[in-house]
């Protein structure tokens, strides 16, 4: 591994290395760095950033101090993003996902409002969906923060149940905004299953006469 160039200082600074984040698990708050010049992957935890400014992405270039855990495995400390022109990560997929969630949420709530206005659904259904969506959004946000800090987590069953109860629009929005549970295939399959069931129940209610 080759040390990164650092400015001179009055006190001799610790040796800093540079590398690229090759793997990043945002929900769990850790990943690995491939050091410049080769060598074993270096473990990176979100808490290792000296001054957290944003969430890291795969392909981010970072500088760090190298230490070893009790098992002798390399890990990064005092991590900082390297300042490189044109090196900012591509956030287009995240922006698209957020826009998609906003569009779906607005369209669904507008459809419910139309059905209520037409007398096909009782007004409390719309109110319940709004309330559950806000609760689901807060639950996802809280669970994301817990994942970052190692605090008590909200179970996936609870997150799925709040969606099944009508809060799936808020859950979808929170998934995209906080990048939480949005890339886990098993959870996404179960989540969209609850969305389908919820929509089937609402469609049945809307089609009932009287």
N, C-alpha and C. Protein backbone atom coordinates (compact mmCIF):
# COMPACT_ATOMS: atom_id res chain seq x y z
N UNK A 1 0.84 -1.19 0.00
CA UNK A 1 0.00 0.00 0.00
C UNK A 1 0.88 1.24 0.00
N UNK A 2 0.50 2.24 -0.77
CA UNK A 2 1.30 3.46 -0.88
C UNK A 2 0.64 4.58 -0.12
N UNK A 3 1.37 5.30 0.72
CA UNK A 3 0.77 6.39 1.49
C UNK A 3 0.28 7.50 0.58
N UNK A 4 -0.84 8.14 0.98
CA UNK A 4 -1.35 9.28 0.23
C UNK A 4 -0.55 10.51 0.62
N UNK A 5 -0.40 11.46 -0.31
CA UNK A 5 0.32 12.71 -0.04
C UNK A 5 -0.49 13.56 0.92
N UNK A 6 0.15 14.05 1.97
CA UNK A 6 -0.53 14.89 2.95
C UNK A 6 0.27 16.15 3.17
N UNK A 7 -0.38 17.25 3.54
CA UNK A 7 0.32 18.51 3.77
C UNK A 7 1.27 18.37 4.96
N UNK A 8 2.35 19.14 4.93
CA UNK A 8 3.28 19.13 6.04
C UNK A 8 2.64 19.81 7.23
N UNK A 9 3.08 19.45 8.42
CA UNK A 9 2.53 20.03 9.64
C UNK A 9 3.66 20.19 10.64
N UNK A 10 3.43 20.99 11.68
CA UNK A 10 4.47 21.19 12.68
C UNK A 10 4.78 19.88 13.39
N UNK A 11 3.74 19.14 13.77
CA UNK A 11 3.94 17.83 14.37
C UNK A 11 3.89 16.79 13.26
N UNK A 12 4.68 15.77 13.42
CA UNK A 12 4.73 14.72 12.40
C UNK A 12 3.39 14.01 12.34
N UNK A 13 2.70 14.06 11.20
CA UNK A 13 1.37 13.46 11.12
C UNK A 13 1.45 11.94 10.97
N UNK A 14 0.36 11.28 11.33
CA UNK A 14 0.28 9.83 11.11
C UNK A 14 0.25 9.56 9.62
N UNK A 15 0.81 8.42 9.23
CA UNK A 15 0.82 8.06 7.82
C UNK A 15 -0.61 7.79 7.36
N UNK A 16 -0.98 8.39 6.25
CA UNK A 16 -2.29 8.19 5.68
C UNK A 16 -2.17 7.44 4.37
N UNK A 17 -3.13 6.58 4.15
CA UNK A 17 -3.17 5.79 2.93
C UNK A 17 -4.39 6.19 2.12
N UNK A 18 -4.39 5.80 0.87
CA UNK A 18 -5.50 6.12 -0.01
C UNK A 18 -5.99 4.86 -0.71
N UNK A 19 -7.28 4.80 -0.93
CA UNK A 19 -7.85 3.65 -1.62
C UNK A 19 -9.27 3.95 -2.07
N UNK A 20 -9.87 2.96 -2.69
CA UNK A 20 -11.23 3.11 -3.22
C UNK A 20 -12.16 2.14 -2.52
N UNK A 21 -13.34 2.64 -2.13
CA UNK A 21 -14.35 1.77 -1.53
C UNK A 21 -14.90 0.85 -2.62
N UNK A 22 -14.68 -0.43 -2.47
CA UNK A 22 -15.14 -1.38 -3.48
C UNK A 22 -16.47 -2.03 -3.10
N UNK A 23 -16.73 -2.11 -1.80
CA UNK A 23 -17.98 -2.70 -1.31
C UNK A 23 -18.52 -1.83 -0.19
N UNK A 24 -19.82 -1.53 -0.24
CA UNK A 24 -20.42 -0.73 0.82
C UNK A 24 -21.83 -1.23 1.11
N UNK A 25 -22.08 -1.67 2.35
CA UNK A 25 -23.40 -2.12 2.79
C UNK A 25 -23.99 -1.00 3.63
N UNK A 26 -24.76 -0.14 3.00
CA UNK A 26 -25.23 1.07 3.68
C UNK A 26 -26.15 0.76 4.85
N UNK A 27 -26.99 -0.27 4.71
CA UNK A 27 -27.93 -0.59 5.78
C UNK A 27 -27.20 -1.05 7.04
N UNK A 28 -26.03 -1.66 6.87
CA UNK A 28 -25.28 -2.18 8.02
C UNK A 28 -24.12 -1.26 8.40
N UNK A 29 -23.85 -0.26 7.54
CA UNK A 29 -22.86 0.73 7.89
C UNK A 29 -21.42 0.30 7.81
N UNK A 30 -21.10 -0.61 6.90
CA UNK A 30 -19.70 -0.99 6.75
C UNK A 30 -19.41 -1.41 5.31
N UNK A 31 -18.13 -1.49 4.99
CA UNK A 31 -17.70 -1.91 3.66
C UNK A 31 -16.21 -2.19 3.68
N UNK A 32 -15.61 -2.21 2.48
CA UNK A 32 -14.19 -2.51 2.37
C UNK A 32 -13.53 -1.56 1.37
N UNK A 33 -12.28 -1.26 1.65
CA UNK A 33 -11.47 -0.39 0.81
C UNK A 33 -10.41 -1.22 0.12
N UNK A 34 -10.23 -0.98 -1.19
CA UNK A 34 -9.11 -1.57 -1.92
C UNK A 34 -7.97 -0.55 -1.90
N UNK A 35 -6.87 -0.84 -1.20
CA UNK A 35 -5.78 0.14 -1.09
C UNK A 35 -5.11 0.41 -2.44
N UNK A 36 -4.71 1.65 -2.67
CA UNK A 36 -3.90 1.96 -3.84
C UNK A 36 -2.58 1.19 -3.73
N UNK A 37 -2.18 0.58 -4.81
CA UNK A 37 -0.94 -0.18 -4.79
C UNK A 37 -1.14 -1.63 -4.42
N UNK A 38 -2.39 -2.02 -4.12
CA UNK A 38 -2.66 -3.42 -3.82
C UNK A 38 -2.59 -3.73 -2.34
N UNK A 39 -2.86 -4.96 -2.00
CA UNK A 39 -2.87 -5.38 -0.61
C UNK A 39 -4.23 -5.89 -0.21
N UNK A 40 -4.31 -6.37 1.04
CA UNK A 40 -5.55 -6.93 1.55
C UNK A 40 -6.62 -5.85 1.66
N UNK A 41 -7.89 -6.20 1.43
CA UNK A 41 -8.98 -5.24 1.63
C UNK A 41 -8.99 -4.72 3.06
N UNK A 42 -9.30 -3.45 3.23
CA UNK A 42 -9.30 -2.80 4.55
C UNK A 42 -10.75 -2.60 4.98
N UNK A 43 -11.06 -3.07 6.17
CA UNK A 43 -12.42 -2.94 6.70
C UNK A 43 -12.71 -1.47 7.00
N UNK A 44 -13.92 -1.04 6.64
CA UNK A 44 -14.34 0.35 6.86
C UNK A 44 -15.70 0.37 7.53
N UNK A 45 -15.78 1.06 8.68
CA UNK A 45 -17.05 1.23 9.37
C UNK A 45 -17.46 2.70 9.27
N UNK A 46 -18.75 2.95 9.25
CA UNK A 46 -19.25 4.31 9.10
C UNK A 46 -18.75 5.22 10.22
N UNK A 47 -18.53 4.66 11.40
CA UNK A 47 -18.05 5.46 12.53
C UNK A 47 -16.58 5.83 12.40
N UNK A 48 -15.89 5.26 11.41
CA UNK A 48 -14.46 5.54 11.24
C UNK A 48 -14.21 6.87 10.54
N UNK A 49 -15.27 7.49 9.99
CA UNK A 49 -15.09 8.78 9.32
C UNK A 49 -14.84 9.86 10.38
N UNK A 50 -13.76 10.59 10.19
CA UNK A 50 -13.38 11.62 11.16
C UNK A 50 -14.42 12.73 11.23
N UNK A 51 -14.88 13.18 10.07
CA UNK A 51 -15.90 14.23 10.00
C UNK A 51 -16.98 13.76 9.02
N UNK A 52 -18.04 13.12 9.51
CA UNK A 52 -19.08 12.64 8.61
C UNK A 52 -19.77 13.79 7.89
N UNK A 53 -19.72 13.78 6.57
CA UNK A 53 -20.37 14.82 5.78
C UNK A 53 -21.51 14.26 4.94
N UNK A 54 -21.40 13.00 4.58
CA UNK A 54 -22.43 12.33 3.79
C UNK A 54 -22.21 10.84 3.90
N UNK A 55 -23.15 10.07 3.39
CA UNK A 55 -23.00 8.62 3.37
C UNK A 55 -22.02 8.23 2.25
N UNK A 56 -21.16 7.28 2.51
CA UNK A 56 -20.23 6.84 1.45
C UNK A 56 -20.94 6.00 0.40
N UNK A 57 -20.30 5.87 -0.74
CA UNK A 57 -20.79 5.06 -1.85
C UNK A 57 -19.66 4.17 -2.34
N UNK A 58 -20.02 3.06 -2.96
CA UNK A 58 -19.01 2.27 -3.64
C UNK A 58 -18.37 3.13 -4.72
N UNK A 59 -17.06 3.01 -4.89
CA UNK A 59 -16.25 3.78 -5.85
C UNK A 59 -15.79 5.11 -5.30
N UNK A 60 -16.21 5.49 -4.08
CA UNK A 60 -15.64 6.69 -3.45
C UNK A 60 -14.16 6.46 -3.17
N UNK A 61 -13.36 7.49 -3.38
CA UNK A 61 -11.94 7.44 -3.04
C UNK A 61 -11.77 8.09 -1.67
N UNK A 62 -11.07 7.42 -0.77
CA UNK A 62 -10.91 7.91 0.59
C UNK A 62 -9.45 7.82 1.02
N UNK A 63 -9.10 8.62 2.02
CA UNK A 63 -7.81 8.49 2.69
C UNK A 63 -8.08 8.05 4.12
N UNK A 64 -7.10 7.39 4.73
CA UNK A 64 -7.35 6.81 6.05
C UNK A 64 -6.03 6.47 6.74
N UNK A 65 -6.14 6.29 8.04
CA UNK A 65 -5.04 5.74 8.82
C UNK A 65 -5.28 4.25 8.98
N UNK A 66 -4.22 3.48 8.92
CA UNK A 66 -4.34 2.02 8.94
C UNK A 66 -4.04 1.49 10.34
N UNK A 67 -4.99 0.71 10.88
CA UNK A 67 -4.79 0.02 12.15
C UNK A 67 -5.19 -1.44 11.94
N UNK A 68 -5.04 -2.23 12.99
CA UNK A 68 -5.41 -3.64 12.91
C UNK A 68 -6.27 -4.01 14.11
N UNK A 69 -7.26 -4.85 13.89
CA UNK A 69 -8.12 -5.28 14.97
C UNK A 69 -7.40 -6.38 15.78
N UNK A 70 -8.01 -6.86 16.88
CA UNK A 70 -7.34 -7.87 17.70
C UNK A 70 -6.97 -9.15 16.95
N UNK A 71 -7.64 -9.41 15.83
CA UNK A 71 -7.31 -10.60 15.05
C UNK A 71 -6.26 -10.33 13.99
N UNK A 72 -5.78 -9.08 13.96
CA UNK A 72 -4.75 -8.73 13.00
C UNK A 72 -5.26 -8.32 11.64
N UNK A 73 -6.59 -8.13 11.51
CA UNK A 73 -7.17 -7.73 10.23
C UNK A 73 -7.08 -6.21 10.05
N UNK A 74 -6.72 -5.74 8.86
CA UNK A 74 -6.59 -4.30 8.64
C UNK A 74 -7.93 -3.59 8.65
N UNK A 75 -7.96 -2.43 9.28
CA UNK A 75 -9.17 -1.62 9.27
C UNK A 75 -8.78 -0.15 9.25
N UNK A 76 -9.71 0.67 8.76
CA UNK A 76 -9.44 2.09 8.56
C UNK A 76 -9.93 2.91 9.74
N UNK A 77 -9.18 3.96 10.04
CA UNK A 77 -9.57 4.94 11.05
C UNK A 77 -9.33 6.33 10.50
N UNK A 78 -9.98 7.32 11.11
CA UNK A 78 -9.81 8.72 10.70
C UNK A 78 -9.98 8.86 9.19
N UNK A 79 -11.06 8.30 8.68
CA UNK A 79 -11.30 8.26 7.23
C UNK A 79 -11.84 9.60 6.75
N UNK A 80 -11.42 9.99 5.56
CA UNK A 80 -11.91 11.22 4.93
C UNK A 80 -12.06 10.98 3.43
N UNK A 81 -13.00 11.68 2.82
CA UNK A 81 -13.16 11.57 1.37
C UNK A 81 -12.02 12.32 0.69
N UNK A 82 -11.43 11.69 -0.33
CA UNK A 82 -10.37 12.35 -1.09
C UNK A 82 -10.99 13.38 -2.02
N UNK A 83 -10.34 14.51 -2.17
CA UNK A 83 -10.83 15.57 -3.04
C UNK A 83 -10.24 15.35 -4.43
N UNK A 84 -11.08 14.85 -5.32
CA UNK A 84 -10.64 14.59 -6.69
C UNK A 84 -11.69 15.12 -7.65
N UNK A 85 -11.25 15.83 -8.65
CA UNK A 85 -12.17 16.36 -9.65
C UNK A 85 -12.81 15.23 -10.43
N UNK A 86 -14.12 15.35 -10.57
CA UNK A 86 -14.84 14.37 -11.36
C UNK A 86 -14.99 13.03 -10.67
N UNK A 87 -14.67 12.96 -9.36
CA UNK A 87 -14.72 11.68 -8.68
C UNK A 87 -16.00 11.49 -7.87
N UNK A 88 -16.93 12.42 -7.97
CA UNK A 88 -18.16 12.29 -7.20
C UNK A 88 -18.97 11.11 -7.71
N UNK A 89 -19.63 10.35 -6.79
CA UNK A 89 -20.37 9.17 -7.19
C UNK A 89 -21.62 9.52 -7.98
N UNK A 90 -22.05 8.56 -8.78
CA UNK A 90 -23.25 8.73 -9.58
C UNK A 90 -24.47 8.48 -8.70
N UNK A 91 -25.22 9.54 -8.40
CA UNK A 91 -26.39 9.40 -7.55
C UNK A 91 -27.68 9.36 -8.37
N UNK A 92 -27.55 9.22 -9.68
CA UNK A 92 -28.74 9.20 -10.53
C UNK A 92 -29.71 8.09 -10.15
N UNK A 93 -29.24 6.84 -9.87
CA UNK A 93 -30.19 5.79 -9.47
C UNK A 93 -30.95 6.14 -8.21
N UNK A 94 -30.29 6.75 -7.22
CA UNK A 94 -30.97 7.13 -5.98
C UNK A 94 -32.00 8.21 -6.25
N UNK A 95 -31.64 9.21 -7.09
CA UNK A 95 -32.60 10.27 -7.41
C UNK A 95 -33.80 9.71 -8.15
N UNK A 96 -33.55 8.78 -9.07
CA UNK A 96 -34.64 8.17 -9.81
C UNK A 96 -35.55 7.38 -8.88
N UNK A 97 -34.93 6.64 -7.94
CA UNK A 97 -35.73 5.85 -7.00
C UNK A 97 -36.61 6.72 -6.13
N UNK A 98 -36.07 7.85 -5.68
CA UNK A 98 -36.86 8.77 -4.86
C UNK A 98 -37.99 9.38 -5.66
N UNK A 99 -37.71 9.79 -6.89
CA UNK A 99 -38.74 10.36 -7.76
C UNK A 99 -39.82 9.33 -8.06
N UNK A 100 -39.42 8.08 -8.28
CA UNK A 100 -40.37 7.00 -8.52
C UNK A 100 -41.30 6.83 -7.31
N UNK A 101 -40.72 6.83 -6.10
CA UNK A 101 -41.51 6.65 -4.89
C UNK A 101 -42.49 7.81 -4.69
N UNK A 102 -42.04 9.03 -4.93
CA UNK A 102 -42.92 10.20 -4.79
C UNK A 102 -44.07 10.12 -5.77
N UNK A 103 -43.77 9.73 -7.01
CA UNK A 103 -44.80 9.63 -8.05
C UNK A 103 -45.85 8.59 -7.69
N UNK A 104 -45.39 7.40 -7.27
CA UNK A 104 -46.31 6.32 -6.91
C UNK A 104 -47.17 6.73 -5.71
N UNK A 105 -46.56 7.35 -4.72
CA UNK A 105 -47.28 7.75 -3.51
C UNK A 105 -48.36 8.76 -3.84
N UNK A 106 -48.01 9.79 -4.61
CA UNK A 106 -48.99 10.83 -4.97
C UNK A 106 -50.12 10.23 -5.81
N UNK A 107 -49.76 9.40 -6.78
CA UNK A 107 -50.76 8.80 -7.66
C UNK A 107 -51.73 7.92 -6.88
N UNK A 108 -51.19 7.14 -5.94
CA UNK A 108 -52.05 6.24 -5.16
C UNK A 108 -53.00 7.03 -4.27
N UNK A 109 -52.46 8.02 -3.57
CA UNK A 109 -53.30 8.82 -2.68
C UNK A 109 -54.35 9.62 -3.47
N UNK A 110 -53.96 10.09 -4.65
CA UNK A 110 -54.93 10.79 -5.50
C UNK A 110 -56.04 9.85 -5.95
N UNK A 111 -55.68 8.62 -6.28
CA UNK A 111 -56.69 7.63 -6.67
C UNK A 111 -57.65 7.35 -5.53
N UNK A 112 -57.11 7.21 -4.32
CA UNK A 112 -57.98 6.99 -3.16
C UNK A 112 -58.92 8.18 -2.96
N UNK A 113 -58.40 9.40 -3.12
CA UNK A 113 -59.23 10.59 -2.96
C UNK A 113 -60.36 10.61 -3.99
N UNK A 114 -60.07 10.22 -5.22
CA UNK A 114 -61.09 10.17 -6.27
C UNK A 114 -62.17 9.15 -5.93
N UNK A 115 -61.72 7.97 -5.43
CA UNK A 115 -62.68 6.92 -5.07
C UNK A 115 -63.55 7.35 -3.88
N UNK A 116 -62.96 8.05 -2.95
CA UNK A 116 -63.74 8.57 -1.81
C UNK A 116 -64.74 9.61 -2.30
N UNK A 117 -64.27 10.49 -3.18
CA UNK A 117 -65.14 11.54 -3.72
C UNK A 117 -66.31 10.94 -4.49
N UNK A 118 -66.05 9.83 -5.18
CA UNK A 118 -67.10 9.18 -5.96
C UNK A 118 -67.99 8.28 -5.12
N UNK A 119 -67.69 8.16 -3.85
CA UNK A 119 -68.51 7.33 -2.98
C UNK A 119 -68.20 5.86 -3.04
N UNK A 120 -67.08 5.51 -3.68
CA UNK A 120 -66.72 4.10 -3.80
C UNK A 120 -65.97 3.59 -2.57
N UNK A 121 -65.36 4.51 -1.82
CA UNK A 121 -64.63 4.14 -0.60
C UNK A 121 -65.04 5.11 0.51
N UNK A 122 -65.14 4.63 1.75
CA UNK A 122 -65.43 5.53 2.86
C UNK A 122 -64.24 6.45 3.14
N UNK A 123 -64.52 7.66 3.57
CA UNK A 123 -63.47 8.65 3.82
C UNK A 123 -62.41 8.19 4.81
N UNK A 124 -62.79 7.41 5.86
CA UNK A 124 -61.76 6.97 6.81
C UNK A 124 -60.65 6.14 6.18
N UNK A 125 -60.93 5.52 5.03
CA UNK A 125 -59.89 4.73 4.37
C UNK A 125 -58.73 5.62 3.94
N UNK A 126 -59.07 6.76 3.37
CA UNK A 126 -58.03 7.71 2.95
C UNK A 126 -57.26 8.23 4.17
N UNK A 127 -57.99 8.58 5.23
CA UNK A 127 -57.34 9.07 6.44
C UNK A 127 -56.43 8.02 7.06
N UNK A 128 -56.89 6.76 7.07
CA UNK A 128 -56.09 5.68 7.64
C UNK A 128 -54.82 5.46 6.82
N UNK A 129 -54.94 5.55 5.50
CA UNK A 129 -53.77 5.36 4.64
C UNK A 129 -52.74 6.46 4.87
N UNK A 130 -53.22 7.70 5.00
CA UNK A 130 -52.31 8.81 5.27
C UNK A 130 -51.61 8.64 6.62
N UNK A 131 -52.39 8.28 7.63
CA UNK A 131 -51.82 8.10 8.97
C UNK A 131 -50.83 6.96 9.02
N UNK A 132 -51.18 5.83 8.41
CA UNK A 132 -50.28 4.68 8.39
C UNK A 132 -49.01 4.96 7.59
N UNK A 133 -49.16 5.73 6.53
CA UNK A 133 -48.00 6.07 5.71
C UNK A 133 -47.01 6.94 6.49
N UNK A 134 -47.54 7.91 7.24
CA UNK A 134 -46.66 8.75 8.05
C UNK A 134 -45.97 7.93 9.13
N UNK A 135 -46.72 7.00 9.75
CA UNK A 135 -46.14 6.14 10.78
C UNK A 135 -45.07 5.23 10.18
N UNK A 136 -45.35 4.67 8.99
CA UNK A 136 -44.38 3.80 8.34
C UNK A 136 -43.11 4.55 8.00
N UNK A 137 -43.25 5.77 7.51
CA UNK A 137 -42.08 6.59 7.17
C UNK A 137 -41.20 6.80 8.41
N UNK A 138 -41.84 7.12 9.53
CA UNK A 138 -41.09 7.35 10.77
C UNK A 138 -40.44 6.06 11.27
N UNK A 139 -41.11 4.93 11.10
CA UNK A 139 -40.54 3.65 11.54
C UNK A 139 -39.31 3.29 10.72
N UNK A 140 -39.36 3.50 9.42
CA UNK A 140 -38.20 3.21 8.57
C UNK A 140 -37.04 4.15 8.91
N UNK A 141 -37.36 5.43 9.13
CA UNK A 141 -36.30 6.38 9.47
C UNK A 141 -35.64 6.00 10.79
N UNK A 142 -36.45 5.62 11.77
CA UNK A 142 -35.92 5.23 13.07
C UNK A 142 -35.06 3.98 12.96
N UNK A 143 -35.51 3.01 12.15
CA UNK A 143 -34.74 1.78 11.99
C UNK A 143 -33.43 2.03 11.27
N UNK A 144 -33.44 2.95 10.32
CA UNK A 144 -32.20 3.32 9.62
C UNK A 144 -31.20 3.92 10.60
N UNK A 145 -31.67 4.82 11.45
CA UNK A 145 -30.79 5.43 12.45
C UNK A 145 -30.27 4.39 13.42
N UNK A 146 -31.12 3.43 13.79
CA UNK A 146 -30.70 2.37 14.70
C UNK A 146 -29.63 1.49 14.05
N UNK A 147 -29.77 1.25 12.75
CA UNK A 147 -28.77 0.45 12.04
C UNK A 147 -27.41 1.14 12.03
N UNK A 148 -27.42 2.46 11.96
CA UNK A 148 -26.17 3.21 11.93
C UNK A 148 -25.48 3.23 13.30
N UNK A 149 -26.29 3.27 14.36
CA UNK A 149 -25.72 3.45 15.69
C UNK A 149 -25.64 2.17 16.50
N UNK A 150 -26.20 1.09 15.96
CA UNK A 150 -26.19 -0.17 16.70
C UNK A 150 -27.25 -0.25 17.77
N UNK A 151 -28.28 0.59 17.70
CA UNK A 151 -29.35 0.61 18.70
C UNK A 151 -30.37 -0.49 18.38
N UNK A 152 -31.41 -0.55 19.23
CA UNK A 152 -32.46 -1.56 19.06
C UNK A 152 -33.17 -1.36 17.73
N UNK A 153 -33.30 -2.45 16.95
CA UNK A 153 -33.88 -2.37 15.61
C UNK A 153 -35.36 -2.71 15.61
N UNK A 154 -36.07 -2.18 14.63
CA UNK A 154 -37.46 -2.55 14.37
C UNK A 154 -37.46 -3.81 13.51
N UNK A 155 -38.25 -4.79 13.87
CA UNK A 155 -38.25 -6.06 13.13
C UNK A 155 -38.80 -5.85 11.72
N UNK A 156 -38.35 -6.69 10.81
CA UNK A 156 -38.85 -6.61 9.44
C UNK A 156 -40.34 -6.94 9.39
N UNK A 157 -40.78 -7.84 10.27
CA UNK A 157 -42.21 -8.17 10.31
C UNK A 157 -43.05 -6.93 10.62
N UNK A 158 -42.56 -6.10 11.55
CA UNK A 158 -43.31 -4.88 11.90
C UNK A 158 -43.35 -3.91 10.72
N UNK A 159 -42.23 -3.80 10.00
CA UNK A 159 -42.18 -2.91 8.85
C UNK A 159 -43.12 -3.39 7.75
N UNK A 160 -43.21 -4.70 7.59
CA UNK A 160 -44.10 -5.25 6.56
C UNK A 160 -45.56 -5.12 6.97
N UNK A 161 -45.85 -5.31 8.25
CA UNK A 161 -47.24 -5.23 8.73
C UNK A 161 -47.79 -3.81 8.59
N UNK A 162 -46.96 -2.81 8.89
CA UNK A 162 -47.43 -1.43 8.76
C UNK A 162 -47.73 -1.11 7.30
N UNK A 163 -46.98 -1.71 6.39
CA UNK A 163 -47.26 -1.53 4.97
C UNK A 163 -48.54 -2.22 4.56
N UNK A 164 -48.74 -3.43 5.07
CA UNK A 164 -49.95 -4.18 4.76
C UNK A 164 -51.19 -3.47 5.28
N UNK A 165 -51.04 -2.77 6.39
CA UNK A 165 -52.17 -2.05 7.00
C UNK A 165 -52.50 -0.75 6.28
N UNK A 166 -51.79 -0.46 5.21
CA UNK A 166 -52.08 0.75 4.43
C UNK A 166 -50.97 1.76 4.39
N UNK A 167 -49.87 1.48 5.08
CA UNK A 167 -48.77 2.43 5.12
C UNK A 167 -47.70 2.22 4.08
N UNK A 168 -47.97 1.37 3.09
CA UNK A 168 -46.92 1.05 2.11
C UNK A 168 -46.46 2.26 1.29
N UNK A 169 -47.31 3.27 1.00
CA UNK A 169 -46.77 4.43 0.27
C UNK A 169 -45.68 5.16 1.06
N UNK A 170 -45.92 5.37 2.35
CA UNK A 170 -44.90 6.01 3.19
C UNK A 170 -43.66 5.14 3.33
N UNK A 171 -43.87 3.83 3.39
CA UNK A 171 -42.75 2.90 3.49
C UNK A 171 -41.90 2.96 2.22
N UNK A 172 -42.55 3.01 1.07
CA UNK A 172 -41.83 3.09 -0.19
C UNK A 172 -40.99 4.36 -0.26
N UNK A 173 -41.57 5.46 0.15
CA UNK A 173 -40.85 6.73 0.12
C UNK A 173 -39.64 6.69 1.06
N UNK A 174 -39.83 6.14 2.26
CA UNK A 174 -38.73 6.06 3.22
C UNK A 174 -37.62 5.14 2.72
N UNK A 175 -37.99 4.05 2.06
CA UNK A 175 -36.98 3.14 1.51
C UNK A 175 -36.05 3.86 0.55
N UNK A 176 -36.62 4.71 -0.29
CA UNK A 176 -35.82 5.39 -1.30
C UNK A 176 -35.06 6.58 -0.71
N UNK A 177 -35.70 7.33 0.17
CA UNK A 177 -35.04 8.50 0.75
C UNK A 177 -33.86 8.10 1.62
N UNK A 178 -34.05 7.06 2.44
CA UNK A 178 -33.01 6.65 3.38
C UNK A 178 -32.19 5.46 2.89
N UNK A 179 -32.51 4.98 1.68
CA UNK A 179 -31.80 3.81 1.14
C UNK A 179 -31.83 2.67 2.15
N UNK A 180 -33.01 2.38 2.65
CA UNK A 180 -33.17 1.38 3.70
C UNK A 180 -34.08 0.26 3.24
N UNK A 181 -33.56 -0.95 3.26
CA UNK A 181 -34.28 -2.15 2.84
C UNK A 181 -34.61 -2.16 1.35
N UNK A 182 -34.05 -1.22 0.61
CA UNK A 182 -34.41 -1.09 -0.80
C UNK A 182 -33.60 -2.02 -1.71
N UNK A 183 -32.53 -2.63 -1.19
CA UNK A 183 -31.71 -3.50 -2.03
C UNK A 183 -31.65 -4.93 -1.50
N UNK A 184 -32.49 -5.24 -0.52
CA UNK A 184 -32.53 -6.60 0.03
C UNK A 184 -33.63 -7.37 -0.69
N UNK A 185 -33.28 -8.33 -1.56
CA UNK A 185 -34.28 -9.01 -2.41
C UNK A 185 -35.40 -9.67 -1.62
N UNK A 186 -35.08 -10.38 -0.54
CA UNK A 186 -36.11 -11.09 0.21
C UNK A 186 -37.11 -10.12 0.84
N UNK A 187 -36.62 -9.01 1.36
CA UNK A 187 -37.52 -8.03 1.96
C UNK A 187 -38.36 -7.36 0.89
N UNK A 188 -37.75 -7.01 -0.23
CA UNK A 188 -38.50 -6.36 -1.30
C UNK A 188 -39.59 -7.26 -1.85
N UNK A 189 -39.33 -8.56 -1.95
CA UNK A 189 -40.35 -9.50 -2.43
C UNK A 189 -41.53 -9.52 -1.46
N UNK A 190 -41.24 -9.56 -0.16
CA UNK A 190 -42.30 -9.57 0.83
C UNK A 190 -43.04 -8.23 0.86
N UNK A 191 -42.28 -7.15 0.71
CA UNK A 191 -42.90 -5.82 0.73
C UNK A 191 -43.90 -5.66 -0.41
N UNK A 192 -43.47 -5.99 -1.63
CA UNK A 192 -44.38 -5.84 -2.77
C UNK A 192 -45.54 -6.82 -2.70
N UNK A 193 -45.36 -7.92 -1.97
CA UNK A 193 -46.48 -8.82 -1.71
C UNK A 193 -47.53 -8.15 -0.85
N UNK A 194 -47.09 -7.39 0.17
CA UNK A 194 -48.05 -6.68 1.02
C UNK A 194 -48.74 -5.56 0.25
N UNK A 195 -48.00 -4.92 -0.66
CA UNK A 195 -48.61 -3.87 -1.50
C UNK A 195 -49.72 -4.48 -2.35
N UNK A 196 -49.45 -5.64 -2.93
CA UNK A 196 -50.44 -6.30 -3.79
C UNK A 196 -51.68 -6.68 -2.98
N UNK A 197 -51.47 -7.25 -1.80
CA UNK A 197 -52.61 -7.64 -0.96
C UNK A 197 -53.44 -6.42 -0.55
N UNK A 198 -52.76 -5.35 -0.18
CA UNK A 198 -53.47 -4.14 0.22
C UNK A 198 -54.31 -3.59 -0.93
N UNK A 199 -53.73 -3.58 -2.12
CA UNK A 199 -54.46 -3.06 -3.28
C UNK A 199 -55.64 -3.95 -3.66
N UNK A 200 -55.48 -5.28 -3.48
CA UNK A 200 -56.59 -6.20 -3.77
C UNK A 200 -57.76 -5.94 -2.84
N UNK A 201 -57.44 -5.73 -1.55
CA UNK A 201 -58.51 -5.46 -0.57
C UNK A 201 -59.21 -4.14 -0.90
N UNK A 202 -58.45 -3.10 -1.24
CA UNK A 202 -59.05 -1.82 -1.57
C UNK A 202 -59.89 -1.92 -2.84
N UNK A 203 -59.42 -2.68 -3.81
CA UNK A 203 -60.18 -2.85 -5.06
C UNK A 203 -61.50 -3.58 -4.78
N UNK A 204 -61.45 -4.56 -3.88
CA UNK A 204 -62.68 -5.30 -3.52
C UNK A 204 -63.68 -4.37 -2.83
N UNK A 205 -63.16 -3.52 -1.93
CA UNK A 205 -64.05 -2.57 -1.25
C UNK A 205 -64.66 -1.57 -2.23
N UNK A 206 -63.84 -1.12 -3.19
CA UNK A 206 -64.32 -0.13 -4.13
C UNK A 206 -65.36 -0.71 -5.10
N UNK A 207 -65.30 -2.03 -5.33
CA UNK A 207 -66.21 -2.64 -6.29
C UNK A 207 -67.52 -3.09 -5.67
N UNK A 208 -67.58 -3.01 -4.33
CA UNK A 208 -68.82 -3.44 -3.66
C UNK A 208 -69.92 -2.41 -3.91
N UNK A 209 -71.11 -2.86 -4.18
CA UNK A 209 -72.25 -1.95 -4.36
C UNK A 209 -72.84 -1.60 -3.00
N UNK A 210 -73.31 -0.36 -2.89
CA UNK A 210 -73.95 0.06 -1.66
C UNK A 210 -72.92 0.37 -0.61
